[in-house]
Amino acid sequence: MKEKKVQIIIAYLYHAFFILLGFMLMQEYIDGLLTTAVISDIVYVLYWIIFNINRERYMPWVVYMHFVIGSAIEVMLNWFGIIPEDNAPFVPGQLLYILLLLIHAALIGIVNLVLWQRKIERRG
C-alpha cells in the first residue's frame, strides 16, 4: 500500500513539474519545453517498465488512474489558456504539447496493459 502512495505522489509531482514549466517556458521557450517533455516522457516510460519488469508485475491501475488525472489537469490548463499560450507562428506549440500529453498517457496505459497481460499469462 505504501508503494502505491509513493507511485501516486511521483505521478503528481511529474505533472506539477510540467505545469510549473508551462507557466515559465510556454510563451517564450516552447521548443525547450517540448524537448524537455519528450526526454522526460521517455525516461518516465522506461522507469514505468523497469520498475515493474524487475518485480515481474504491472503498476496498480489506481496509480495509472492518478497519472491520467494529472494528464487531464495539464490538458485542461493548456486547452483553456490558463497556462499562457505560446507565440508560435505556424503550429501552436501548446497544441503539440497537449498531443504529447495524450500520447504519453496512452503509451503508459498500453505498457501497463502489456505488463498486466504478461502477469495473467504467467498465472494461467
N, C-alpha and C. Protein backbone atom coordinates (compact mmCIF):
# COMPACT_ATOMS: atom_id res chain seq x y z
N MET A 1 0.82 -1.20 0.00
CA MET A 1 0.00 0.00 0.00
C MET A 1 0.86 1.26 0.00
N LYS A 2 1.94 1.22 0.79
CA LYS A 2 2.82 2.38 0.87
C LYS A 2 3.48 2.65 -0.48
N GLU A 3 3.80 1.56 -1.19
CA GLU A 3 4.42 1.70 -2.51
C GLU A 3 3.48 2.40 -3.49
N LYS A 4 2.18 2.10 -3.44
CA LYS A 4 1.21 2.75 -4.30
C LYS A 4 1.18 4.25 -4.04
N LYS A 5 1.20 4.62 -2.77
CA LYS A 5 1.17 6.04 -2.42
C LYS A 5 2.39 6.76 -2.96
N VAL A 6 3.54 6.12 -2.87
CA VAL A 6 4.77 6.73 -3.40
C VAL A 6 4.65 6.91 -4.91
N GLN A 7 4.13 5.91 -5.62
CA GLN A 7 3.99 6.00 -7.07
C GLN A 7 2.98 7.06 -7.47
N ILE A 8 1.91 7.20 -6.70
CA ILE A 8 0.91 8.24 -6.97
C ILE A 8 1.53 9.61 -6.77
N ILE A 9 2.30 9.77 -5.71
CA ILE A 9 2.98 11.05 -5.46
C ILE A 9 3.95 11.37 -6.59
N ILE A 10 4.69 10.37 -7.06
CA ILE A 10 5.62 10.57 -8.18
C ILE A 10 4.85 11.03 -9.43
N ALA A 11 3.71 10.41 -9.69
CA ALA A 11 2.91 10.80 -10.87
C ALA A 11 2.45 12.25 -10.77
N TYR A 12 1.97 12.66 -9.59
CA TYR A 12 1.51 14.04 -9.44
C TYR A 12 2.68 15.04 -9.45
N LEU A 13 3.81 14.65 -8.88
CA LEU A 13 4.98 15.54 -8.92
C LEU A 13 5.46 15.73 -10.35
N TYR A 14 5.39 14.67 -11.15
CA TYR A 14 5.74 14.75 -12.56
C TYR A 14 4.89 15.81 -13.26
N HIS A 15 3.59 15.75 -13.03
CA HIS A 15 2.69 16.71 -13.67
C HIS A 15 2.84 18.11 -13.08
N ALA A 16 3.04 18.21 -11.79
CA ALA A 16 3.23 19.52 -11.16
C ALA A 16 4.48 20.20 -11.73
N PHE A 17 5.53 19.42 -11.95
CA PHE A 17 6.75 19.96 -12.53
C PHE A 17 6.48 20.56 -13.91
N PHE A 18 5.71 19.86 -14.73
CA PHE A 18 5.44 20.36 -16.08
C PHE A 18 4.41 21.48 -16.09
N ILE A 19 3.55 21.53 -15.12
CA ILE A 19 2.65 22.68 -15.02
C ILE A 19 3.46 23.93 -14.70
N LEU A 20 4.39 23.80 -13.76
CA LEU A 20 5.27 24.94 -13.44
C LEU A 20 6.12 25.34 -14.64
N LEU A 21 6.68 24.35 -15.32
CA LEU A 21 7.47 24.66 -16.53
C LEU A 21 6.60 25.32 -17.59
N GLY A 22 5.35 24.90 -17.69
CA GLY A 22 4.45 25.51 -18.66
C GLY A 22 4.27 26.99 -18.40
N PHE A 23 4.08 27.34 -17.14
CA PHE A 23 3.93 28.76 -16.80
C PHE A 23 5.21 29.53 -17.07
N MET A 24 6.36 28.88 -16.87
CA MET A 24 7.63 29.58 -17.02
C MET A 24 8.13 29.61 -18.47
N LEU A 25 7.88 28.54 -19.23
CA LEU A 25 8.52 28.41 -20.54
C LEU A 25 7.60 28.46 -21.74
N MET A 26 6.30 28.29 -21.55
CA MET A 26 5.39 28.12 -22.69
C MET A 26 5.44 29.30 -23.66
N GLN A 27 5.43 30.51 -23.17
CA GLN A 27 5.35 31.66 -24.09
C GLN A 27 6.62 31.88 -24.89
N GLU A 28 7.75 31.81 -24.26
CA GLU A 28 8.99 32.18 -24.94
C GLU A 28 9.83 30.99 -25.38
N TYR A 29 9.76 29.89 -24.67
CA TYR A 29 10.67 28.77 -24.93
C TYR A 29 9.92 27.46 -25.13
N ILE A 30 8.93 27.48 -26.01
CA ILE A 30 8.11 26.30 -26.24
C ILE A 30 8.96 25.14 -26.76
N ASP A 31 9.96 25.42 -27.58
CA ASP A 31 10.81 24.35 -28.09
C ASP A 31 11.57 23.67 -26.96
N GLY A 32 12.05 24.45 -26.01
CA GLY A 32 12.73 23.88 -24.84
C GLY A 32 11.78 23.06 -23.99
N LEU A 33 10.56 23.54 -23.84
CA LEU A 33 9.55 22.81 -23.06
C LEU A 33 9.22 21.49 -23.75
N LEU A 34 9.01 21.51 -25.05
CA LEU A 34 8.69 20.29 -25.78
C LEU A 34 9.84 19.29 -25.74
N THR A 35 11.06 19.78 -25.89
CA THR A 35 12.23 18.90 -25.82
C THR A 35 12.34 18.26 -24.44
N THR A 36 12.18 19.06 -23.40
CA THR A 36 12.22 18.55 -22.03
C THR A 36 11.11 17.53 -21.81
N ALA A 37 9.92 17.81 -22.33
CA ALA A 37 8.79 16.89 -22.17
C ALA A 37 9.04 15.56 -22.87
N VAL A 38 9.56 15.60 -24.09
CA VAL A 38 9.82 14.36 -24.82
C VAL A 38 10.86 13.52 -24.09
N ILE A 39 11.95 14.14 -23.66
CA ILE A 39 13.00 13.40 -22.96
C ILE A 39 12.48 12.82 -21.66
N SER A 40 11.75 13.61 -20.90
CA SER A 40 11.25 13.11 -19.61
C SER A 40 10.15 12.07 -19.82
N ASP A 41 9.37 12.18 -20.89
CA ASP A 41 8.37 11.16 -21.20
C ASP A 41 9.04 9.81 -21.45
N ILE A 42 10.11 9.84 -22.22
CA ILE A 42 10.86 8.61 -22.49
C ILE A 42 11.41 8.03 -21.20
N VAL A 43 12.00 8.88 -20.37
CA VAL A 43 12.55 8.43 -19.09
C VAL A 43 11.44 7.85 -18.20
N TYR A 44 10.28 8.52 -18.15
CA TYR A 44 9.18 8.06 -17.31
C TYR A 44 8.63 6.72 -17.80
N VAL A 45 8.50 6.54 -19.10
CA VAL A 45 8.03 5.26 -19.64
C VAL A 45 9.04 4.16 -19.31
N LEU A 46 10.32 4.44 -19.48
CA LEU A 46 11.35 3.45 -19.15
C LEU A 46 11.32 3.13 -17.65
N TYR A 47 11.15 4.14 -16.82
CA TYR A 47 11.03 3.93 -15.38
C TYR A 47 9.84 3.02 -15.08
N TRP A 48 8.71 3.29 -15.71
CA TRP A 48 7.49 2.51 -15.50
C TRP A 48 7.73 1.04 -15.88
N ILE A 49 8.41 0.82 -17.01
CA ILE A 49 8.69 -0.54 -17.47
C ILE A 49 9.69 -1.23 -16.54
N ILE A 50 10.82 -0.58 -16.29
CA ILE A 50 11.88 -1.19 -15.48
C ILE A 50 11.41 -1.46 -14.06
N PHE A 51 10.69 -0.52 -13.48
CA PHE A 51 10.19 -0.67 -12.11
C PHE A 51 9.32 -1.91 -12.00
N ASN A 52 8.55 -2.21 -13.03
CA ASN A 52 7.61 -3.32 -12.98
C ASN A 52 8.19 -4.63 -13.49
N ILE A 53 9.04 -4.58 -14.49
CA ILE A 53 9.62 -5.82 -15.01
C ILE A 53 10.54 -6.44 -13.96
N ASN A 54 11.27 -5.63 -13.23
CA ASN A 54 12.13 -6.16 -12.17
C ASN A 54 11.34 -6.92 -11.12
N ARG A 55 10.09 -6.53 -10.92
CA ARG A 55 9.25 -7.19 -9.92
C ARG A 55 8.28 -8.19 -10.58
N GLU A 56 8.40 -8.35 -11.89
CA GLU A 56 7.56 -9.26 -12.67
C GLU A 56 6.07 -9.03 -12.37
N ARG A 57 5.66 -7.79 -12.48
CA ARG A 57 4.27 -7.43 -12.26
C ARG A 57 3.95 -6.18 -13.07
N TYR A 58 2.79 -5.62 -12.86
CA TYR A 58 2.37 -4.39 -13.51
C TYR A 58 2.11 -3.34 -12.44
N MET A 59 2.05 -2.08 -12.86
CA MET A 59 1.75 -0.99 -11.93
C MET A 59 0.27 -1.07 -11.57
N PRO A 60 -0.08 -0.90 -10.31
CA PRO A 60 -1.51 -0.93 -9.96
C PRO A 60 -2.29 0.09 -10.79
N TRP A 61 -3.47 -0.30 -11.21
CA TRP A 61 -4.28 0.56 -12.08
C TRP A 61 -4.66 1.86 -11.40
N VAL A 62 -4.72 1.87 -10.08
CA VAL A 62 -5.05 3.12 -9.37
C VAL A 62 -3.93 4.15 -9.58
N VAL A 63 -2.70 3.69 -9.69
CA VAL A 63 -1.57 4.59 -9.96
C VAL A 63 -1.73 5.19 -11.36
N TYR A 64 -2.08 4.35 -12.32
CA TYR A 64 -2.30 4.84 -13.68
C TYR A 64 -3.46 5.83 -13.72
N MET A 65 -4.51 5.54 -12.96
CA MET A 65 -5.66 6.45 -12.91
C MET A 65 -5.22 7.84 -12.43
N HIS A 66 -4.37 7.88 -11.42
CA HIS A 66 -3.89 9.17 -10.92
C HIS A 66 -2.98 9.85 -11.93
N PHE A 67 -2.21 9.07 -12.69
CA PHE A 67 -1.40 9.65 -13.75
C PHE A 67 -2.30 10.28 -14.81
N VAL A 68 -3.38 9.61 -15.16
CA VAL A 68 -4.32 10.13 -16.15
C VAL A 68 -5.02 11.39 -15.61
N ILE A 69 -5.35 11.41 -14.33
CA ILE A 69 -5.95 12.61 -13.73
C ILE A 69 -4.98 13.78 -13.85
N GLY A 70 -3.71 13.56 -13.56
CA GLY A 70 -2.70 14.61 -13.71
C GLY A 70 -2.58 15.07 -15.15
N SER A 71 -2.63 14.12 -16.09
CA SER A 71 -2.58 14.48 -17.52
C SER A 71 -3.79 15.31 -17.91
N ALA A 72 -4.97 14.92 -17.41
CA ALA A 72 -6.19 15.66 -17.73
C ALA A 72 -6.13 17.08 -17.18
N ILE A 73 -5.60 17.24 -16.00
CA ILE A 73 -5.46 18.58 -15.41
C ILE A 73 -4.53 19.42 -16.29
N GLU A 74 -3.43 18.83 -16.70
CA GLU A 74 -2.49 19.56 -17.57
C GLU A 74 -3.14 19.94 -18.90
N VAL A 75 -3.86 19.01 -19.49
CA VAL A 75 -4.53 19.29 -20.78
C VAL A 75 -5.52 20.45 -20.60
N MET A 76 -6.32 20.41 -19.54
CA MET A 76 -7.31 21.47 -19.33
C MET A 76 -6.63 22.82 -19.09
N LEU A 77 -5.56 22.84 -18.32
CA LEU A 77 -4.85 24.10 -18.07
C LEU A 77 -4.32 24.69 -19.37
N ASN A 78 -3.85 23.84 -20.26
CA ASN A 78 -3.33 24.32 -21.54
C ASN A 78 -4.45 24.64 -22.51
N TRP A 79 -5.46 23.79 -22.58
CA TRP A 79 -6.55 23.98 -23.53
C TRP A 79 -7.32 25.26 -23.27
N PHE A 80 -7.61 25.54 -22.02
CA PHE A 80 -8.40 26.72 -21.67
C PHE A 80 -7.56 27.97 -21.47
N GLY A 81 -6.28 27.89 -21.78
CA GLY A 81 -5.42 29.08 -21.76
C GLY A 81 -5.03 29.55 -20.38
N ILE A 82 -5.19 28.74 -19.36
CA ILE A 82 -4.74 29.14 -18.03
C ILE A 82 -3.23 29.22 -18.02
N ILE A 83 -2.59 28.25 -18.65
CA ILE A 83 -1.16 28.37 -18.91
C ILE A 83 -1.06 29.22 -20.16
N PRO A 84 -0.31 30.31 -20.12
CA PRO A 84 -0.27 31.25 -21.26
C PRO A 84 0.13 30.56 -22.56
N GLU A 85 -0.50 31.00 -23.64
CA GLU A 85 -0.22 30.42 -24.96
C GLU A 85 1.14 30.84 -25.47
N ASP A 86 1.69 29.98 -26.33
CA ASP A 86 2.99 30.30 -26.92
C ASP A 86 2.81 31.24 -28.10
N ASN A 87 3.93 31.70 -28.63
CA ASN A 87 3.91 32.66 -29.74
C ASN A 87 4.32 32.02 -31.06
N ALA A 88 4.03 30.73 -31.23
CA ALA A 88 4.44 30.04 -32.45
C ALA A 88 3.63 30.56 -33.63
N PRO A 89 4.31 30.88 -34.75
CA PRO A 89 3.61 31.45 -35.90
C PRO A 89 2.82 30.45 -36.72
N PHE A 90 3.24 29.20 -36.78
CA PHE A 90 2.59 28.23 -37.66
C PHE A 90 1.76 27.22 -36.87
N VAL A 91 2.41 26.25 -36.29
CA VAL A 91 1.71 25.22 -35.50
C VAL A 91 1.86 25.61 -34.03
N PRO A 92 0.75 25.79 -33.34
CA PRO A 92 0.85 26.15 -31.92
C PRO A 92 1.57 25.08 -31.11
N GLY A 93 2.62 25.49 -30.44
CA GLY A 93 3.37 24.55 -29.61
C GLY A 93 2.54 23.99 -28.49
N GLN A 94 1.58 24.78 -28.03
CA GLN A 94 0.73 24.32 -26.95
C GLN A 94 -0.12 23.13 -27.41
N LEU A 95 -0.57 23.16 -28.65
CA LEU A 95 -1.32 22.04 -29.20
C LEU A 95 -0.43 20.80 -29.30
N LEU A 96 0.81 20.98 -29.73
CA LEU A 96 1.75 19.87 -29.78
C LEU A 96 1.98 19.30 -28.39
N TYR A 97 2.07 20.17 -27.40
CA TYR A 97 2.26 19.73 -26.02
C TYR A 97 1.06 18.93 -25.53
N ILE A 98 -0.14 19.36 -25.86
CA ILE A 98 -1.35 18.63 -25.48
C ILE A 98 -1.36 17.25 -26.14
N LEU A 99 -1.02 17.19 -27.42
CA LEU A 99 -0.95 15.90 -28.11
C LEU A 99 0.10 15.00 -27.48
N LEU A 100 1.23 15.58 -27.11
CA LEU A 100 2.28 14.81 -26.44
C LEU A 100 1.78 14.24 -25.11
N LEU A 101 1.03 15.04 -24.37
CA LEU A 101 0.45 14.56 -23.10
C LEU A 101 -0.48 13.37 -23.33
N LEU A 102 -1.33 13.48 -24.34
CA LEU A 102 -2.27 12.41 -24.63
C LEU A 102 -1.56 11.14 -25.09
N ILE A 103 -0.55 11.30 -25.93
CA ILE A 103 0.23 10.15 -26.39
C ILE A 103 0.95 9.49 -25.22
N HIS A 104 1.52 10.31 -24.35
CA HIS A 104 2.24 9.78 -23.20
C HIS A 104 1.31 8.99 -22.28
N ALA A 105 0.13 9.53 -21.99
CA ALA A 105 -0.82 8.83 -21.12
C ALA A 105 -1.27 7.51 -21.77
N ALA A 106 -1.50 7.53 -23.08
CA ALA A 106 -1.90 6.31 -23.79
C ALA A 106 -0.77 5.29 -23.79
N LEU A 107 0.45 5.74 -24.00
CA LEU A 107 1.60 4.84 -24.03
C LEU A 107 1.81 4.17 -22.67
N ILE A 108 1.69 4.94 -21.61
CA ILE A 108 1.81 4.37 -20.26
C ILE A 108 0.72 3.32 -20.04
N GLY A 109 -0.50 3.62 -20.48
CA GLY A 109 -1.59 2.66 -20.35
C GLY A 109 -1.34 1.39 -21.13
N ILE A 110 -0.82 1.51 -22.35
CA ILE A 110 -0.52 0.34 -23.18
C ILE A 110 0.57 -0.50 -22.54
N VAL A 111 1.62 0.16 -22.05
CA VAL A 111 2.70 -0.56 -21.37
C VAL A 111 2.15 -1.31 -20.17
N ASN A 112 1.32 -0.67 -19.38
CA ASN A 112 0.76 -1.31 -18.21
C ASN A 112 -0.15 -2.48 -18.61
N LEU A 113 -0.90 -2.31 -19.68
CA LEU A 113 -1.77 -3.38 -20.16
C LEU A 113 -0.96 -4.60 -20.59
N VAL A 114 0.15 -4.36 -21.29
CA VAL A 114 1.03 -5.47 -21.71
C VAL A 114 1.62 -6.16 -20.48
N LEU A 115 2.08 -5.39 -19.50
CA LEU A 115 2.63 -5.98 -18.28
C LEU A 115 1.55 -6.76 -17.52
N TRP A 116 0.35 -6.23 -17.50
CA TRP A 116 -0.76 -6.90 -16.83
C TRP A 116 -1.09 -8.22 -17.53
N GLN A 117 -1.10 -8.19 -18.87
CA GLN A 117 -1.37 -9.39 -19.65
C GLN A 117 -0.29 -10.45 -19.41
N ARG A 118 0.94 -10.02 -19.36
CA ARG A 118 2.04 -10.96 -19.07
C ARG A 118 1.85 -11.62 -17.71
N LYS A 119 1.45 -10.84 -16.74
CA LYS A 119 1.22 -11.37 -15.38
C LYS A 119 0.10 -12.41 -15.39
N ILE A 120 -0.97 -12.13 -16.12
CA ILE A 120 -2.10 -13.07 -16.20
C ILE A 120 -1.66 -14.37 -16.90
N GLU A 121 -0.89 -14.25 -17.97
CA GLU A 121 -0.44 -15.44 -18.70
C GLU A 121 0.47 -16.30 -17.85
N ARG A 122 1.28 -15.71 -16.99
CA ARG A 122 2.17 -16.46 -16.12
C ARG A 122 1.38 -17.24 -15.07
N ARG A 123 0.28 -16.65 -14.61
CA ARG A 123 -0.56 -17.33 -13.62
C ARG A 123 -1.25 -18.56 -14.21
N GLY A 124 -1.71 -18.41 -15.45
CA GLY A 124 -2.53 -19.44 -16.08
C GLY A 124 -1.75 -20.49 -16.70
